[in-house]
N, C-alpha and C. Protein backbone atom coordinates (compact mmCIF):
# COMPACT_ATOMS: atom_id res chain seq x y z
N MET A 1 0.89 -1.24 0.10
CA MET A 1 0.10 0.04 -0.21
C MET A 1 0.85 1.20 0.04
N SER A 2 0.63 2.13 -0.84
CA SER A 2 1.46 3.35 -1.01
C SER A 2 0.95 4.70 -0.18
N ASP A 3 1.70 5.65 -0.06
CA ASP A 3 1.19 6.87 0.89
C ASP A 3 0.25 7.74 -0.13
N ARG A 4 -0.44 8.28 0.36
CA ARG A 4 -1.57 9.22 -0.13
C ARG A 4 -0.84 10.12 -1.27
N GLN A 5 0.35 10.67 -0.98
CA GLN A 5 1.22 11.36 -1.88
C GLN A 5 1.54 10.83 -3.39
N ASP A 6 1.21 9.40 -3.56
CA ASP A 6 1.33 8.68 -4.77
C ASP A 6 0.32 9.04 -5.65
N PHE A 7 -0.81 9.57 -5.08
CA PHE A 7 -1.92 9.74 -5.97
C PHE A 7 -2.07 11.14 -6.34
N GLU A 8 -2.65 11.75 -7.45
CA GLU A 8 -2.90 13.01 -7.85
C GLU A 8 -3.92 13.55 -6.82
N SER A 9 -3.64 15.12 -6.87
CA SER A 9 -4.83 15.63 -5.95
C SER A 9 -6.11 15.58 -6.65
N VAL A 10 -7.41 15.64 -6.02
CA VAL A 10 -8.54 15.47 -6.62
C VAL A 10 -9.29 16.72 -6.57
N PRO A 11 -9.71 17.12 -7.83
CA PRO A 11 -10.53 18.42 -7.86
C PRO A 11 -11.92 18.17 -7.29
N PRO A 12 -12.46 19.34 -6.97
CA PRO A 12 -13.71 19.09 -6.23
C PRO A 12 -14.86 18.49 -7.06
N SER A 13 -14.70 18.54 -8.35
CA SER A 13 -15.75 17.88 -9.26
C SER A 13 -15.56 16.59 -9.53
N GLN A 14 -14.58 15.89 -8.94
CA GLN A 14 -14.24 14.60 -9.09
C GLN A 14 -15.28 13.63 -8.40
N PRO A 15 -15.44 12.38 -8.74
CA PRO A 15 -16.41 11.59 -7.91
C PRO A 15 -16.43 11.50 -6.44
N GLU A 16 -17.32 10.77 -5.89
CA GLU A 16 -17.38 10.87 -4.44
C GLU A 16 -16.26 10.05 -3.76
N PHE A 17 -15.74 9.14 -4.38
CA PHE A 17 -14.45 8.51 -3.94
C PHE A 17 -13.34 8.26 -5.12
N SER A 18 -12.44 9.00 -4.92
CA SER A 18 -11.58 9.22 -6.09
C SER A 18 -10.02 9.11 -5.60
N ARG A 19 -9.40 8.17 -6.28
CA ARG A 19 -8.07 7.84 -5.96
C ARG A 19 -7.24 7.67 -7.41
N ARG A 20 -6.74 8.87 -8.05
CA ARG A 20 -6.20 8.85 -9.25
C ARG A 20 -4.69 8.56 -9.35
N LEU A 21 -4.37 7.43 -9.78
CA LEU A 21 -3.04 6.78 -9.85
C LEU A 21 -2.42 7.27 -11.00
N VAL A 22 -1.30 7.80 -11.02
CA VAL A 22 -0.61 8.52 -12.17
C VAL A 22 0.12 7.31 -12.71
N ILE A 23 0.00 7.27 -14.16
CA ILE A 23 0.35 6.06 -14.83
C ILE A 23 1.84 5.84 -14.84
N ASN A 24 2.58 6.80 -14.92
CA ASN A 24 4.19 6.66 -14.77
C ASN A 24 4.47 6.09 -13.66
N ARG A 25 3.91 5.85 -12.72
CA ARG A 25 4.31 5.19 -11.21
C ARG A 25 4.04 3.56 -11.78
N ILE A 26 3.39 2.97 -12.57
CA ILE A 26 3.11 1.75 -12.61
C ILE A 26 4.31 0.86 -13.16
N GLY A 27 5.03 1.29 -14.13
CA GLY A 27 6.25 0.62 -14.41
C GLY A 27 5.91 -0.73 -15.12
N HIS A 28 7.05 -1.34 -15.87
CA HIS A 28 6.75 -2.47 -16.90
C HIS A 28 6.50 -3.65 -16.03
N GLU A 29 6.62 -3.81 -14.92
CA GLU A 29 6.36 -5.11 -13.93
C GLU A 29 4.94 -4.88 -13.39
N GLY A 30 4.38 -3.79 -13.59
CA GLY A 30 3.09 -3.57 -12.87
C GLY A 30 2.95 -3.29 -11.53
N LEU A 31 2.08 -2.77 -10.86
CA LEU A 31 1.86 -2.46 -9.42
C LEU A 31 0.74 -3.00 -8.61
N SER A 32 0.97 -3.02 -7.43
CA SER A 32 -0.18 -3.36 -6.43
C SER A 32 -0.61 -2.20 -5.73
N GLU A 33 -1.88 -1.95 -5.63
CA GLU A 33 -2.25 -0.86 -4.63
C GLU A 33 -3.49 -1.16 -3.88
N THR A 34 -3.60 -0.74 -2.59
CA THR A 34 -4.75 -0.83 -1.85
C THR A 34 -5.39 0.43 -1.34
N ILE A 35 -6.67 0.70 -1.66
CA ILE A 35 -7.22 2.04 -1.44
C ILE A 35 -8.52 1.82 -0.47
N LYS A 36 -8.70 2.74 0.46
CA LYS A 36 -9.75 2.56 1.38
C LYS A 36 -10.64 3.97 1.47
N ALA A 37 -11.77 3.75 1.68
CA ALA A 37 -12.74 4.99 1.54
C ALA A 37 -12.64 5.57 3.00
N LYS A 38 -12.72 6.94 2.95
CA LYS A 38 -12.82 7.60 4.22
C LYS A 38 -14.29 7.64 4.71
N GLU A 39 -14.56 7.96 5.94
CA GLU A 39 -15.89 8.15 6.52
C GLU A 39 -16.87 9.13 5.65
N ASP A 40 -16.37 10.31 5.20
CA ASP A 40 -17.09 11.28 4.41
C ASP A 40 -17.39 10.70 3.01
N GLU A 41 -16.31 10.02 2.51
CA GLU A 41 -16.66 9.39 1.33
C GLU A 41 -17.57 8.21 1.23
N CYS A 42 -17.53 7.40 2.33
CA CYS A 42 -18.63 6.45 2.47
C CYS A 42 -20.08 6.92 2.39
N ARG A 43 -20.22 8.19 3.13
CA ARG A 43 -21.48 8.89 3.23
C ARG A 43 -21.85 9.13 1.76
N LYS A 44 -21.03 9.96 1.17
CA LYS A 44 -21.29 10.23 -0.10
C LYS A 44 -21.71 9.21 -1.20
N LEU A 45 -20.92 8.09 -0.97
CA LEU A 45 -21.26 6.78 -1.76
C LEU A 45 -22.64 6.32 -1.51
N ALA A 46 -22.90 6.28 -0.37
CA ALA A 46 -24.30 5.79 0.02
C ALA A 46 -25.53 6.46 -0.56
N LYS A 47 -25.33 7.91 -0.70
CA LYS A 47 -26.09 8.61 -1.23
C LYS A 47 -26.21 8.51 -2.75
N ARG A 48 -25.16 8.32 -3.27
CA ARG A 48 -25.15 8.03 -4.80
C ARG A 48 -25.76 6.53 -5.09
N LEU A 49 -25.43 5.77 -4.29
CA LEU A 49 -25.99 4.34 -4.49
C LEU A 49 -27.49 4.21 -4.14
N ASP A 50 -27.86 5.24 -3.36
CA ASP A 50 -29.25 5.38 -2.80
C ASP A 50 -29.51 3.98 -1.91
N ILE A 51 -28.49 3.73 -1.13
CA ILE A 51 -28.73 2.87 0.11
C ILE A 51 -28.62 3.64 1.30
N PRO A 52 -29.07 2.92 2.65
CA PRO A 52 -28.83 3.57 3.89
C PRO A 52 -27.57 3.87 4.15
N ALA A 53 -26.64 3.27 3.98
CA ALA A 53 -25.07 3.46 4.45
C ALA A 53 -24.22 2.61 3.89
N VAL A 54 -23.02 3.00 3.75
CA VAL A 54 -21.74 2.37 3.54
C VAL A 54 -20.85 2.50 4.62
N ARG A 55 -20.64 1.52 5.47
CA ARG A 55 -19.71 1.45 6.56
C ARG A 55 -18.47 1.50 6.32
N ALA A 56 -17.97 0.76 5.18
CA ALA A 56 -16.47 0.78 5.02
C ALA A 56 -16.40 0.13 3.52
N LEU A 57 -15.35 0.46 2.97
CA LEU A 57 -15.02 0.07 1.65
C LEU A 57 -13.65 0.17 1.40
N ASP A 58 -12.97 -1.13 0.97
CA ASP A 58 -11.48 -1.05 0.67
C ASP A 58 -11.47 -2.03 -0.61
N CYS A 59 -10.48 -1.81 -1.38
CA CYS A 59 -10.15 -2.46 -2.67
C CYS A 59 -8.78 -2.55 -2.84
N ARG A 60 -8.26 -3.96 -3.16
CA ARG A 60 -6.87 -4.33 -3.47
C ARG A 60 -6.86 -4.50 -5.14
N PHE A 61 -5.89 -3.81 -5.56
CA PHE A 61 -5.78 -3.71 -7.14
C PHE A 61 -4.32 -4.49 -7.36
N ARG A 62 -4.31 -5.10 -8.43
CA ARG A 62 -3.09 -5.41 -9.31
C ARG A 62 -3.17 -4.89 -10.61
N ILE A 63 -2.34 -4.02 -10.85
CA ILE A 63 -2.37 -3.33 -12.35
C ILE A 63 -1.22 -3.64 -13.27
N ILE A 64 -1.80 -4.25 -14.22
CA ILE A 64 -0.90 -4.96 -15.17
C ILE A 64 -0.75 -4.14 -16.51
N PRO A 65 0.37 -3.62 -17.03
CA PRO A 65 0.48 -2.83 -18.19
C PRO A 65 0.39 -3.75 -19.44
N GLU A 66 -0.25 -3.27 -20.37
CA GLU A 66 -0.36 -3.86 -21.68
C GLU A 66 -0.02 -2.91 -22.76
N ALA A 67 -0.11 -3.46 -23.93
CA ALA A 67 0.36 -2.43 -25.08
C ALA A 67 -0.65 -1.41 -25.39
N SER A 68 -0.13 -0.43 -26.07
CA SER A 68 -1.12 0.66 -26.43
C SER A 68 -1.54 1.43 -25.09
N ASP A 69 -0.96 1.31 -24.23
CA ASP A 69 -1.24 2.18 -23.00
C ASP A 69 -2.66 1.81 -22.23
N ASN A 70 -2.82 0.35 -22.62
CA ASN A 70 -3.98 -0.41 -22.06
C ASN A 70 -3.46 -0.89 -20.72
N PHE A 71 -4.36 -1.02 -19.81
CA PHE A 71 -3.86 -1.56 -18.39
C PHE A 71 -5.03 -2.61 -17.85
N VAL A 72 -4.71 -3.91 -17.49
CA VAL A 72 -5.71 -4.85 -16.70
C VAL A 72 -5.56 -4.46 -15.28
N LEU A 73 -6.78 -4.42 -14.79
CA LEU A 73 -6.78 -4.22 -13.20
C LEU A 73 -7.53 -5.35 -12.58
N GLU A 74 -6.98 -5.96 -11.76
CA GLU A 74 -7.53 -7.16 -11.17
C GLU A 74 -7.58 -6.72 -9.60
N GLY A 75 -9.03 -6.78 -9.20
CA GLY A 75 -9.17 -6.36 -7.94
C GLY A 75 -9.93 -7.14 -7.10
N VAL A 76 -9.82 -6.90 -5.68
CA VAL A 76 -10.51 -7.75 -4.73
C VAL A 76 -11.10 -6.63 -4.06
N LEU A 77 -12.58 -6.55 -4.01
CA LEU A 77 -13.38 -5.39 -3.31
C LEU A 77 -13.99 -6.02 -2.03
N THR A 78 -13.77 -5.24 -0.81
CA THR A 78 -14.45 -5.63 0.27
C THR A 78 -15.27 -4.49 0.85
N ALA A 79 -16.71 -4.70 1.11
CA ALA A 79 -17.32 -3.59 1.50
C ALA A 79 -18.53 -4.03 2.78
N HIS A 80 -18.65 -3.12 3.57
CA HIS A 80 -19.65 -3.42 4.64
C HIS A 80 -20.83 -2.27 4.35
N VAL A 81 -22.06 -2.73 3.98
CA VAL A 81 -23.04 -1.93 3.70
C VAL A 81 -24.31 -1.99 4.55
N VAL A 82 -25.24 -0.98 4.40
CA VAL A 82 -26.59 -1.26 5.16
C VAL A 82 -27.64 -1.24 4.10
N LEU A 83 -28.49 -2.34 3.96
CA LEU A 83 -29.59 -2.29 2.95
C LEU A 83 -30.94 -2.36 3.59
N GLU A 84 -31.89 -2.11 2.53
CA GLU A 84 -33.23 -2.19 2.89
C GLU A 84 -34.02 -3.28 2.35
N CYS A 85 -34.54 -4.17 3.32
CA CYS A 85 -35.21 -5.28 2.73
C CYS A 85 -36.24 -5.01 2.03
N VAL A 86 -36.32 -5.80 0.89
CA VAL A 86 -37.61 -5.44 -0.12
C VAL A 86 -38.85 -6.33 0.48
N ILE A 87 -38.72 -7.22 1.33
CA ILE A 87 -39.73 -7.83 1.92
C ILE A 87 -40.30 -7.17 3.14
N THR A 88 -39.62 -6.80 4.13
CA THR A 88 -40.00 -6.37 5.32
C THR A 88 -39.85 -4.85 5.55
N GLY A 89 -39.00 -4.19 4.74
CA GLY A 89 -38.77 -2.77 4.86
C GLY A 89 -37.87 -2.45 5.88
N GLU A 90 -37.30 -3.48 6.43
CA GLU A 90 -36.21 -3.39 7.57
C GLU A 90 -34.99 -3.10 7.02
N GLN A 91 -34.06 -2.48 7.64
CA GLN A 91 -32.60 -2.13 7.26
C GLN A 91 -31.74 -3.32 8.04
N PHE A 92 -30.84 -3.75 7.21
CA PHE A 92 -29.85 -4.86 7.74
C PHE A 92 -28.60 -4.40 7.23
N GLU A 93 -27.67 -5.10 7.94
CA GLU A 93 -26.19 -5.12 7.64
C GLU A 93 -25.80 -6.36 6.60
N ASP A 94 -24.82 -5.85 5.81
CA ASP A 94 -24.36 -6.89 4.84
C ASP A 94 -22.96 -6.75 4.42
N ALA A 95 -22.23 -7.82 4.32
CA ALA A 95 -20.89 -7.65 4.04
C ALA A 95 -20.62 -8.34 2.46
N LEU A 96 -19.75 -7.74 1.73
CA LEU A 96 -19.63 -7.96 0.41
C LEU A 96 -18.18 -8.17 0.32
N ASN A 97 -17.84 -9.22 -0.57
CA ASN A 97 -16.46 -9.46 -1.12
C ASN A 97 -16.51 -10.23 -2.23
N GLU A 98 -15.77 -9.51 -3.28
CA GLU A 98 -15.81 -10.07 -4.78
C GLU A 98 -14.75 -9.71 -5.44
N SER A 99 -14.14 -10.63 -6.32
CA SER A 99 -13.24 -10.07 -7.09
C SER A 99 -13.54 -9.73 -8.50
N PHE A 100 -12.84 -8.98 -9.41
CA PHE A 100 -13.06 -8.64 -10.63
C PHE A 100 -11.97 -8.11 -11.35
N ALA A 101 -12.09 -7.99 -12.61
CA ALA A 101 -11.14 -7.74 -13.55
C ALA A 101 -11.62 -6.75 -14.60
N VAL A 102 -11.04 -5.64 -14.94
CA VAL A 102 -11.43 -4.73 -16.07
C VAL A 102 -10.19 -4.26 -16.89
N ARG A 103 -10.28 -3.80 -18.13
CA ARG A 103 -9.31 -3.18 -18.89
C ARG A 103 -9.64 -1.95 -19.01
N MET A 104 -8.62 -1.03 -18.60
CA MET A 104 -8.54 0.42 -19.11
C MET A 104 -8.00 0.70 -20.26
N VAL A 105 -8.71 1.42 -21.17
CA VAL A 105 -8.37 1.86 -22.50
C VAL A 105 -8.37 3.27 -22.66
N PRO A 106 -7.47 3.89 -23.38
CA PRO A 106 -7.33 5.32 -23.64
C PRO A 106 -8.96 5.86 -24.25
N ALA A 107 -9.28 6.88 -23.84
CA ALA A 107 -10.68 7.20 -24.40
C ALA A 107 -10.71 7.42 -25.79
N ARG A 108 -9.49 7.84 -26.62
CA ARG A 108 -9.54 8.18 -27.96
C ARG A 108 -9.58 6.62 -28.63
N ARG A 109 -9.21 5.64 -28.04
CA ARG A 109 -9.20 4.39 -28.71
C ARG A 109 -10.47 3.31 -28.26
N PHE A 110 -11.13 3.92 -27.38
CA PHE A 110 -12.26 3.20 -26.76
C PHE A 110 -13.36 2.95 -27.78
N SER A 111 -13.84 1.52 -27.89
CA SER A 111 -14.79 1.14 -28.85
C SER A 111 -16.01 0.58 -28.07
N GLU A 112 -17.27 1.13 -28.28
CA GLU A 112 -18.36 0.64 -27.56
C GLU A 112 -18.79 -0.80 -27.89
N GLU A 113 -18.47 -1.07 -29.20
CA GLU A 113 -18.58 -2.55 -29.87
C GLU A 113 -17.86 -3.43 -29.13
N THR A 114 -16.58 -3.22 -28.75
CA THR A 114 -15.56 -4.08 -28.11
C THR A 114 -16.03 -4.45 -26.68
N ALA A 115 -16.40 -3.26 -26.17
CA ALA A 115 -16.88 -3.01 -24.60
C ALA A 115 -18.07 -3.90 -24.49
N SER A 116 -18.95 -3.90 -25.31
CA SER A 116 -20.26 -4.83 -25.23
C SER A 116 -20.00 -6.20 -25.50
N ASP A 117 -18.83 -6.81 -25.84
CA ASP A 117 -18.51 -8.02 -26.14
C ASP A 117 -18.69 -8.97 -24.88
N LEU A 118 -19.62 -9.67 -24.74
CA LEU A 118 -19.85 -10.63 -23.54
C LEU A 118 -18.73 -11.59 -23.30
N GLU A 119 -17.90 -11.75 -24.07
CA GLU A 119 -17.01 -12.89 -24.09
C GLU A 119 -15.57 -12.16 -23.54
N ALA A 120 -15.61 -10.78 -23.69
CA ALA A 120 -14.20 -10.23 -23.39
C ALA A 120 -14.19 -9.52 -22.07
N ILE A 121 -13.09 -9.21 -21.39
CA ILE A 121 -13.10 -8.56 -20.25
C ILE A 121 -13.60 -7.20 -20.35
N ASP A 122 -14.43 -6.76 -19.37
CA ASP A 122 -14.90 -5.37 -19.44
C ASP A 122 -13.96 -4.29 -19.62
N GLU A 123 -14.32 -3.26 -20.53
CA GLU A 123 -13.37 -2.30 -20.87
C GLU A 123 -13.92 -0.98 -20.49
N ILE A 124 -13.01 -0.18 -19.88
CA ILE A 124 -13.40 1.18 -19.33
C ILE A 124 -12.53 2.26 -19.72
N PRO A 125 -13.05 3.38 -20.43
CA PRO A 125 -12.24 4.30 -20.88
C PRO A 125 -11.57 5.18 -19.92
N TYR A 126 -10.32 5.78 -20.06
CA TYR A 126 -9.85 6.68 -19.13
C TYR A 126 -9.12 7.91 -20.05
N GLU A 127 -9.07 8.90 -19.45
CA GLU A 127 -8.50 10.07 -20.05
C GLU A 127 -7.20 10.55 -19.23
N GLY A 128 -6.35 11.25 -20.08
CA GLY A 128 -5.26 12.05 -19.20
C GLY A 128 -4.29 10.86 -18.92
N ASN A 129 -3.39 11.22 -17.80
CA ASN A 129 -2.35 10.26 -17.38
C ASN A 129 -2.47 9.67 -16.14
N ALA A 130 -3.85 9.48 -15.78
CA ALA A 130 -4.07 8.80 -14.42
C ALA A 130 -5.33 7.68 -14.52
N LEU A 131 -5.34 6.85 -13.72
CA LEU A 131 -6.40 5.89 -13.55
C LEU A 131 -7.18 6.20 -12.19
N ASP A 132 -8.48 6.24 -12.29
CA ASP A 132 -9.06 6.73 -11.06
C ASP A 132 -9.42 5.41 -10.46
N LEU A 133 -8.89 4.96 -9.43
CA LEU A 133 -8.98 3.58 -8.88
C LEU A 133 -10.24 3.55 -7.90
N GLY A 134 -10.47 4.88 -7.32
CA GLY A 134 -11.62 5.02 -6.54
C GLY A 134 -12.88 4.81 -7.18
N GLU A 135 -12.89 5.57 -8.43
CA GLU A 135 -14.26 5.40 -9.14
C GLU A 135 -14.35 4.18 -9.67
N ILE A 136 -13.33 3.40 -10.03
CA ILE A 136 -13.44 2.00 -10.64
C ILE A 136 -14.17 1.19 -9.51
N ALA A 137 -13.31 1.27 -8.16
CA ALA A 137 -14.09 0.52 -6.95
C ALA A 137 -15.42 0.99 -6.63
N SER A 138 -15.86 2.10 -6.74
CA SER A 138 -17.23 2.63 -6.62
C SER A 138 -18.27 1.85 -7.63
N GLU A 139 -17.81 1.87 -8.91
CA GLU A 139 -18.63 1.29 -9.99
C GLU A 139 -18.74 -0.22 -9.74
N GLN A 140 -17.74 -0.79 -9.17
CA GLN A 140 -17.82 -2.48 -8.83
C GLN A 140 -18.74 -2.56 -7.58
N LEU A 141 -18.70 -1.69 -6.81
CA LEU A 141 -19.56 -1.83 -5.65
C LEU A 141 -21.00 -1.82 -6.08
N ALA A 142 -21.46 -0.73 -6.94
CA ALA A 142 -22.36 -0.73 -7.64
C ALA A 142 -23.03 -1.96 -8.14
N LEU A 143 -22.17 -2.63 -8.96
CA LEU A 143 -22.42 -3.89 -9.56
C LEU A 143 -22.82 -5.00 -8.57
N MET A 144 -22.02 -4.99 -7.47
CA MET A 144 -22.14 -6.09 -6.47
C MET A 144 -23.50 -5.90 -5.65
N LEU A 145 -24.07 -4.75 -5.47
CA LEU A 145 -25.41 -4.72 -4.71
C LEU A 145 -26.41 -5.52 -5.22
N PRO A 146 -27.14 -6.01 -4.50
CA PRO A 146 -28.46 -7.09 -5.07
C PRO A 146 -29.41 -5.97 -5.56
N ALA A 147 -30.05 -6.43 -6.56
CA ALA A 147 -31.25 -5.75 -6.96
C ALA A 147 -32.44 -5.59 -6.05
N TYR A 148 -32.49 -6.86 -5.36
CA TYR A 148 -33.71 -6.94 -4.31
C TYR A 148 -33.06 -7.35 -3.12
N PRO A 149 -32.62 -6.49 -2.34
CA PRO A 149 -32.01 -6.83 -0.98
C PRO A 149 -33.08 -7.72 -0.23
N ARG A 150 -32.59 -8.74 0.53
CA ARG A 150 -33.46 -9.42 1.31
C ARG A 150 -32.69 -9.81 2.53
N LYS A 151 -33.51 -9.43 3.76
CA LYS A 151 -32.87 -9.76 5.10
C LYS A 151 -32.81 -11.19 5.40
N PRO A 152 -31.56 -11.65 5.62
CA PRO A 152 -31.55 -13.03 6.19
C PRO A 152 -32.81 -13.57 7.08
N GLY A 153 -33.55 -14.63 6.56
CA GLY A 153 -34.66 -15.03 7.42
C GLY A 153 -36.14 -14.57 7.02
N ALA A 154 -35.93 -13.24 6.30
CA ALA A 154 -37.40 -12.77 5.82
C ALA A 154 -37.91 -13.54 4.93
N ALA A 155 -39.41 -13.77 5.22
CA ALA A 155 -40.17 -14.69 4.21
C ALA A 155 -41.22 -13.78 3.81
N LEU A 156 -41.95 -14.27 2.65
CA LEU A 156 -42.85 -13.63 1.97
C LEU A 156 -44.21 -13.33 2.85
N GLU A 157 -44.28 -14.06 3.98
CA GLU A 157 -45.41 -13.90 4.96
C GLU A 157 -45.17 -12.65 5.88
N ASN A 158 -43.85 -12.08 5.75
CA ASN A 158 -43.64 -10.96 6.52
C ASN A 158 -43.63 -9.66 5.71
N ALA A 159 -44.04 -9.81 4.49
CA ALA A 159 -44.12 -8.69 3.54
C ALA A 159 -45.21 -7.59 4.08
N VAL A 160 -44.52 -6.46 3.81
CA VAL A 160 -45.38 -5.18 4.07
C VAL A 160 -46.21 -4.98 2.79
N ASP A 161 -47.58 -5.19 3.25
CA ASP A 161 -48.52 -4.89 2.14
C ASP A 161 -49.31 -3.75 2.42
N GLU A 162 -49.08 -2.71 1.52
CA GLU A 162 -49.86 -1.38 1.82
C GLU A 162 -51.33 -1.42 1.13
N ALA A 163 -51.70 -2.21 0.27
CA ALA A 163 -52.96 -2.13 -0.29
C ALA A 163 -54.01 -2.67 0.77
N PRO A 164 -54.02 -3.66 1.37
CA PRO A 164 -54.86 -3.98 2.48
C PRO A 164 -55.12 -2.93 3.64
N ARG A 165 -53.88 -2.37 4.01
CA ARG A 165 -53.89 -1.13 5.00
C ARG A 165 -54.57 -0.07 4.50
N GLU A 166 -54.58 0.43 3.19
CA GLU A 166 -55.24 1.56 2.65
C GLU A 166 -56.86 1.11 2.63
N ALA A 167 -56.96 -0.15 2.33
CA ALA A 167 -58.63 -0.56 2.15
C ALA A 167 -59.07 -0.47 3.63
N ALA A 168 -58.41 -1.01 4.72
CA ALA A 168 -58.85 -0.97 5.92
C ALA A 168 -59.12 0.36 6.67
N GLU A 169 -58.13 1.40 6.04
CA GLU A 169 -58.30 2.70 6.58
C GLU A 169 -59.44 3.33 6.02
N GLU A 170 -59.96 3.03 4.70
CA GLU A 170 -60.94 3.52 4.13
C GLU A 170 -62.26 3.12 4.69
N THR A 171 -62.42 1.58 5.13
CA THR A 171 -63.44 1.21 5.71
C THR A 171 -63.70 1.82 7.26
N ALA A 172 -62.67 2.16 7.87
CA ALA A 172 -62.70 2.75 9.24
C ALA A 172 -63.16 4.10 9.07
N ASP A 173 -62.85 4.85 7.99
CA ASP A 173 -63.16 6.22 7.97
C ASP A 173 -64.76 6.18 7.69
N GLU A 174 -65.13 5.40 6.89
CA GLU A 174 -66.61 5.25 6.59
C GLU A 174 -67.36 4.98 7.83
N ALA A 175 -67.02 4.03 8.67
CA ALA A 175 -67.72 3.58 9.82
C ALA A 175 -67.48 4.74 10.95
N GLY A 176 -66.50 5.67 10.89
CA GLY A 176 -66.43 6.70 11.76
C GLY A 176 -67.26 7.92 11.31
N GLY A 177 -68.02 7.99 10.27
CA GLY A 177 -68.99 8.97 9.89
C GLY A 177 -68.49 9.87 8.96
N ARG A 178 -67.45 9.43 8.18
CA ARG A 178 -66.94 10.32 6.99
C ARG A 178 -67.97 10.47 6.21
N PRO A 179 -68.37 11.89 5.64
CA PRO A 179 -69.54 12.14 5.01
C PRO A 179 -69.39 11.11 3.60
N ASN A 180 -70.42 10.70 3.20
CA ASN A 180 -70.66 9.93 1.97
C ASN A 180 -71.09 10.72 0.94
N PRO A 181 -70.25 10.86 -0.27
CA PRO A 181 -70.59 11.69 -1.30
C PRO A 181 -71.93 11.61 -1.81
N PHE A 182 -72.48 10.42 -1.74
CA PHE A 182 -73.74 9.97 -2.26
C PHE A 182 -74.73 10.20 -1.24
N GLY A 183 -74.55 10.46 -0.20
CA GLY A 183 -75.61 10.32 1.04
C GLY A 183 -76.65 11.54 0.68
N ALA A 184 -76.48 12.48 0.18
CA ALA A 184 -77.42 13.55 -0.02
C ALA A 184 -78.54 13.14 -1.20
N LEU A 185 -78.09 12.17 -2.12
CA LEU A 185 -79.01 11.77 -2.83
C LEU A 185 -79.85 10.71 -2.52
N ALA A 186 -79.53 9.99 -1.34
CA ALA A 186 -80.43 9.04 -0.70
C ALA A 186 -81.56 9.56 -0.06
N GLY A 187 -81.77 10.82 0.27
CA GLY A 187 -82.87 11.41 0.76
C GLY A 187 -83.88 12.01 -0.27
N LEU A 188 -83.43 12.03 -1.53
CA LEU A 188 -84.22 12.53 -2.60
C LEU A 188 -85.23 11.39 -3.12
N SER A 189 -86.39 11.87 -3.20
CA SER A 189 -87.52 11.01 -4.01
C SER A 189 -87.74 11.42 -5.32
N LEU A 190 -87.77 10.43 -6.34
CA LEU A 190 -88.18 10.72 -7.60
C LEU A 190 -89.71 11.39 -7.70
N PRO A 191 -89.98 12.32 -8.58
CA PRO A 191 -91.33 12.94 -8.72
C PRO A 191 -92.17 11.89 -9.26
N LYS A 192 -93.37 11.79 -8.67
CA LYS A 192 -94.45 10.67 -9.17
C LYS A 192 -94.81 10.85 -10.70
N LYS A 193 -95.03 10.06 -11.48
CA LYS A 193 -95.59 10.29 -12.96
C LYS A 193 -97.04 10.22 -12.90
N LYS A 194 -97.70 11.35 -13.35
CA LYS A 194 -98.94 11.54 -13.35
C LYS A 194 -99.72 10.46 -14.40
N THR A 195 -100.65 9.84 -14.05
CA THR A 195 -101.39 9.03 -14.69
C THR A 195 -102.63 9.44 -15.25
N ASP A 196 -102.67 9.51 -16.76
CA ASP A 196 -103.93 10.01 -17.44
C ASP A 196 -104.94 8.92 -17.20
N LEU A 197 -106.28 9.35 -16.54
CA LEU A 197 -107.28 8.25 -16.42
C LEU A 197 -108.40 8.59 -17.38
N SER A 198 -108.26 9.71 -18.08
CA SER A 198 -109.28 10.09 -18.93
C SER A 198 -109.41 9.37 -20.17
């Protein structure tokens, strides 16, 4: 793990969690780096990902240089997050740990067609002379999050169903004397039809 000074300073407009590694530090043999999100960065990430909280996030990288200024990044991401159960609505803690690999390609040579190849390693464009390891880790965390978080032990019978509750509230309101919009019509009688007996 290197000192913070090994990374470029981060402009205010940069992503919530940014660690820009200058390319000329990588060398022909590659480089290993470990990054960790600070408390305020975790808060910003949670807001970006629309989850209750990110307690901790760190990522170990192995950066491997290739031809034409391409770099393969092999990473292991570990995160501790708070999610909201889609069944019960309760918040719960979850630990995530996953390995990944991406290829960083200069933006001028990045091809959407190549990037969409399901058989190839994911490609990500970069600009300038630095790779933003923090943003890469943030994107990987977003991919790791479950689409439908479910608290361990939560079953469908625990599901929070709003429709029956709303129906019950409407019934209670009517029983409590809420004015019936058709009540005034109930007291009206239709005019009697005159019968011609002549």
